[in-house]
Each structure stands twice: as C-alpha cells, then as structure tokens.
Amino acid sequence: MENKSYDILKKHLEQVTTKLTEHSTQVADISMSIIAKIDMNIKEDEKKLVYKAAILHDIAKFDDEDKHNKKAKEVLYEFCKEDEDFEQLCSIIKYHKGKFKPDKGIAVIAAILRMADKIDKFNK
C-alpha cells in the first residue's frame, strides 16, 4: 500500500534537515572567519570547540524550537557525554540564544558562535 502522507512527511523532513545542515555549516564557516579576523589569541582547542558547537547548535530544534538552546544538553547527552568538552560545548550552545551570561572561560567563543548564528540568519 502506498502511503502518500509518509512520503510527504519524509520529503519535508529532508528539506528541513538540509536547511538546518546548511545553516549549521554556514555558522561554522562564519565562526572560523570571525576568529581569523580578530586577534584575541584564541587557542586551537577553542577553535575546534567553536566549530563543534556551531555544527551542533541547533540539534534540539525539533524537540523545542523556542528553547532549543537549553534543550541541547539533554539531546547531546546521549551522543557526547564522553566528550571531555561536553560541559563547555553545552554551555556555548546554550548561550547562542537568549540571555548571554556565559562563564568567563567561554565568553569570547560563545560570543563568536552567537554572532555567527545571527549573521547567517540576517544574510538570508
């Protein structure tokens, strides 16, 4: 039996996923461009952390669009809990939207992700 509703849903989800993937990739690229243009002695491990956060920053968008920045930790836990940077990664993602009060240790790189996300959204 052909299920057209399933096919419509599958096509929609593929389109949404493609847009989110494109957005995340753009945010990662913009983040790296910002880092390249500023001279703030950002270490290589911090660059990798920003890149990882940029790719994953909207991971919880399907779970809770309005609070996806806060829900990300819960979603990422299953996939990244063993990552040594898990807590920092989740904090950076948390502050890409909403109130901006990150710990001093991640404030600059959290700000970079936040700016990159906004730049990509406003350039659409």
C-alpha atoms as a PDB file:
ATOM      1  CA  MET A   1       0.000   0.000   0.000  1.00  0.00           C
ATOM      2  CA  GLU A   2       1.342   3.404  -0.956  1.00  0.00           C
ATOM      3  CA  ASN A   3       1.423   5.897   1.875  1.00  0.00           C
ATOM      4  CA  LYS A   4       1.474   9.419   0.434  1.00  0.00           C
ATOM      5  CA  SER A   5       1.376  11.031   3.862  1.00  0.00           C
ATOM      6  CA  TYR A   6       4.581   9.247   4.825  1.00  0.00           C
ATOM      7  CA  ASP A   7       6.225  10.351   1.578  1.00  0.00           C
ATOM      8  CA  ILE A   8       5.167  13.974   2.166  1.00  0.00           C
ATOM      9  CA  LEU A   9       6.489  13.858   5.736  1.00  0.00           C
ATOM     10  CA  LYS A  10       9.768  12.278   4.616  1.00  0.00           C
ATOM     11  CA  LYS A  11      10.257  14.909   1.896  1.00  0.00           C
ATOM     12  CA  HIS A  12       9.502  17.729   4.343  1.00  0.00           C
ATOM     13  CA  LEU A  13      11.921  16.375   6.945  1.00  0.00           C
ATOM     14  CA  GLU A  14      14.641  16.010   4.310  1.00  0.00           C
ATOM     15  CA  GLN A  15      14.147  19.646   3.281  1.00  0.00           C
ATOM     16  CA  VAL A  16      14.182  20.856   6.890  1.00  0.00           C
ATOM     17  CA  THR A  17      17.246  18.761   7.692  1.00  0.00           C
ATOM     18  CA  THR A  18      19.041  20.074   4.616  1.00  0.00           C
ATOM     19  CA  LYS A  19      18.291  23.680   5.629  1.00  0.00           C
ATOM     20  CA  LEU A  20      19.493  23.073   9.199  1.00  0.00           C
ATOM     21  CA  THR A  21      22.639  21.366   7.933  1.00  0.00           C
ATOM     22  CA  GLU A  22      23.346  24.239   5.537  1.00  0.00           C
ATOM     23  CA  HIS A  23      22.724  26.758   8.320  1.00  0.00           C
ATOM     24  CA  SER A  24      24.994  24.922  10.772  1.00  0.00           C
ATOM     25  CA  THR A  25      27.763  24.658   8.185  1.00  0.00           C
ATOM     26  CA  GLN A  26      27.440  28.362   7.385  1.00  0.00           C
ATOM     27  CA  VAL A  27      27.560  29.259  11.082  1.00  0.00           C
ATOM     28  CA  ALA A  28      30.703  27.137  11.479  1.00  0.00           C
ATOM     29  CA  ASP A  29      32.327  28.857   8.478  1.00  0.00           C
ATOM     30  CA  ILE A  30      31.344  32.321   9.723  1.00  0.00           C
ATOM     31  CA  SER A  31      32.695  31.471  13.185  1.00  0.00           C
ATOM     32  CA  MET A  32      36.037  30.476  11.702  1.00  0.00           C
ATOM     33  CA  SER A  33      36.096  33.686   9.628  1.00  0.00           C
ATOM     34  CA  ILE A  34      35.453  35.799  12.730  1.00  0.00           C
ATOM     35  CA  ILE A  35      38.248  34.010  14.576  1.00  0.00           C
ATOM     36  CA  ALA A  36      40.607  34.544  11.645  1.00  0.00           C
ATOM     37  CA  LYS A  37      39.856  38.280  11.600  1.00  0.00           C
ATOM     38  CA  ILE A  38      40.164  39.035  15.303  1.00  0.00           C
ATOM     39  CA  ASP A  39      43.390  38.907  17.234  1.00  0.00           C
ATOM     40  CA  MET A  40      42.438  37.523  20.616  1.00  0.00           C
ATOM     41  CA  ASN A  41      44.881  34.619  20.932  1.00  0.00           C
ATOM     42  CA  ILE A  42      42.167  32.005  20.551  1.00  0.00           C
ATOM     43  CA  LYS A  43      43.785  28.616  21.040  1.00  0.00           C
ATOM     44  CA  GLU A  44      43.460  25.739  18.594  1.00  0.00           C
ATOM     45  CA  ASP A  45      41.351  23.669  21.017  1.00  0.00           C
ATOM     46  CA  GLU A  46      38.981  26.641  21.447  1.00  0.00           C
ATOM     47  CA  LYS A  47      38.646  26.932  17.666  1.00  0.00           C
ATOM     48  CA  LYS A  48      37.711  23.258  17.481  1.00  0.00           C
ATOM     49  CA  LEU A  49      35.199  23.744  20.283  1.00  0.00           C
ATOM     50  CA  VAL A  50      33.558  26.695  18.492  1.00  0.00           C
ATOM     51  CA  TYR A  51      33.410  24.698  15.267  1.00  0.00           C
ATOM     52  CA  LYS A  52      31.834  21.713  17.041  1.00  0.00           C
ATOM     53  CA  ALA A  53      29.332  23.979  18.817  1.00  0.00           C
ATOM     54  CA  ALA A  54      28.423  25.678  15.534  1.00  0.00           C
ATOM     55  CA  ILE A  55      27.692  22.377  13.837  1.00  0.00           C
ATOM     56  CA  LEU A  56      25.592  21.172  16.795  1.00  0.00           C
ATOM     57  CA  HIS A  57      23.989  24.429  17.987  1.00  0.00           C
ATOM     58  CA  ASP A  58      20.515  23.711  16.557  1.00  0.00           C
ATOM     59  CA  ILE A  59      20.447  19.985  17.365  1.00  0.00           C
ATOM     60  CA  ALA A  60      17.408  20.332  19.626  1.00  0.00           C
ATOM     61  CA  LYS A  61      15.383  22.461  17.205  1.00  0.00           C
ATOM     62  CA  PHE A  62      12.943  19.600  16.518  1.00  0.00           C
ATOM     63  CA  ASP A  63      12.498  18.986  20.249  1.00  0.00           C
ATOM     64  CA  ASP A  64      11.775  22.554  21.318  1.00  0.00           C
ATOM     65  CA  GLU A  65      12.208  25.377  18.826  1.00  0.00           C
ATOM     66  CA  ASP A  66      11.791  28.180  21.366  1.00  0.00           C
ATOM     67  CA  LYS A  67      14.194  26.754  23.948  1.00  0.00           C
ATOM     68  CA  HIS A  68      16.387  24.576  21.750  1.00  0.00           C
ATOM     69  CA  ASN A  69      19.487  26.286  23.132  1.00  0.00           C
ATOM     70  CA  LYS A  70      18.648  24.980  26.619  1.00  0.00           C
ATOM     71  CA  LYS A  71      17.354  21.592  25.447  1.00  0.00           C
ATOM     72  CA  ALA A  72      20.574  20.859  23.532  1.00  0.00           C
ATOM     73  CA  LYS A  73      22.369  19.461  26.581  1.00  0.00           C
ATOM     74  CA  GLU A  74      19.685  16.838  27.037  1.00  0.00           C
ATOM     75  CA  VAL A  75      19.763  15.868  23.361  1.00  0.00           C
ATOM     76  CA  LEU A  76      23.567  15.867  23.164  1.00  0.00           C
ATOM     77  CA  TYR A  77      23.994  13.826  26.337  1.00  0.00           C
ATOM     78  CA  GLU A  78      23.406  10.536  24.527  1.00  0.00           C
ATOM     79  CA  PHE A  79      25.931  11.359  21.819  1.00  0.00           C
ATOM     80  CA  CYS A  80      28.614  13.415  23.532  1.00  0.00           C
ATOM     81  CA  LYS A  81      28.572  12.630  27.260  1.00  0.00           C
ATOM     82  CA  GLU A  82      32.035  11.030  26.992  1.00  0.00           C
ATOM     83  CA  ASP A  83      33.491  14.086  25.242  1.00  0.00           C
ATOM     84  CA  GLU A  84      35.925  15.858  27.570  1.00  0.00           C
ATOM     85  CA  ASP A  85      34.491  19.196  26.412  1.00  0.00           C
ATOM     86  CA  PHE A  86      30.846  18.187  26.922  1.00  0.00           C
ATOM     87  CA  GLU A  87      30.001  20.775  29.589  1.00  0.00           C
ATOM     88  CA  GLN A  88      31.741  23.629  27.752  1.00  0.00           C
ATOM     89  CA  LEU A  89      30.151  22.579  24.463  1.00  0.00           C
ATOM     90  CA  CYS A  90      26.678  22.615  26.021  1.00  0.00           C
ATOM     91  CA  SER A  91      27.313  25.995  27.666  1.00  0.00           C
ATOM     92  CA  ILE A  92      28.457  27.553  24.412  1.00  0.00           C
ATOM     93  CA  ILE A  93      25.371  26.226  22.633  1.00  0.00           C
ATOM     94  CA  LYS A  94      23.123  27.380  25.491  1.00  0.00           C
ATOM     95  CA  TYR A  95      24.271  30.985  25.065  1.00  0.00           C
ATOM     96  CA  HIS A  96      23.856  31.217  21.296  1.00  0.00           C
ATOM     97  CA  LYS A  97      20.304  32.389  22.037  1.00  0.00           C
ATOM     98  CA  GLY A  98      18.561  34.122  24.930  1.00  0.00           C
ATOM     99  CA  LYS A  99      20.329  35.676  27.916  1.00  0.00           C
ATOM    100  CA  PHE A 100      24.062  35.962  27.468  1.00  0.00           C
ATOM    101  CA  LYS A 101      25.787  35.149  30.751  1.00  0.00           C
ATOM    102  CA  PRO A 102      28.462  32.551  29.998  1.00  0.00           C
ATOM    103  CA  ASP A 103      31.386  31.802  32.299  1.00  0.00           C
ATOM    104  CA  LYS A 104      34.426  33.976  31.587  1.00  0.00           C
ATOM    105  CA  GLY A 105      36.330  30.949  30.290  1.00  0.00           C
ATOM    106  CA  ILE A 106      33.977  30.554  27.322  1.00  0.00           C
ATOM    107  CA  ALA A 107      32.589  34.079  26.934  1.00  0.00           C
ATOM    108  CA  VAL A 108      34.578  35.007  23.828  1.00  0.00           C
ATOM    109  CA  ILE A 109      33.967  31.787  21.952  1.00  0.00           C
ATOM    110  CA  ALA A 110      30.285  31.759  22.988  1.00  0.00           C
ATOM    111  CA  ALA A 111      30.002  35.317  21.631  1.00  0.00           C
ATOM    112  CA  ILE A 112      31.589  34.222  18.360  1.00  0.00           C
ATOM    113  CA  LEU A 113      29.010  31.452  17.902  1.00  0.00           C
ATOM    114  CA  ARG A 114      26.188  33.817  18.812  1.00  0.00           C
ATOM    115  CA  MET A 115      27.362  36.445  16.296  1.00  0.00           C
ATOM    116  CA  ALA A 116      27.913  33.866  13.563  1.00  0.00           C
ATOM    117  CA  ASP A 117      24.414  32.466  14.058  1.00  0.00           C
ATOM    118  CA  LYS A 118      22.864  35.929  13.839  1.00  0.00           C
ATOM    119  CA  ILE A 119      24.958  36.910  10.821  1.00  0.00           C
ATOM    120  CA  ASP A 120      23.812  33.814   8.940  1.00  0.00           C
ATOM    121  CA  LYS A 121      20.150  34.383   9.839  1.00  0.00           C
ATOM    122  CA  PHE A 122      20.231  38.034   8.758  1.00  0.00           C
ATOM    123  CA  ASN A 123      22.009  37.247   5.486  1.00  0.00           C
ATOM    124  CA  LYS A 124      19.137  35.063   4.242  1.00  0.00           C
END
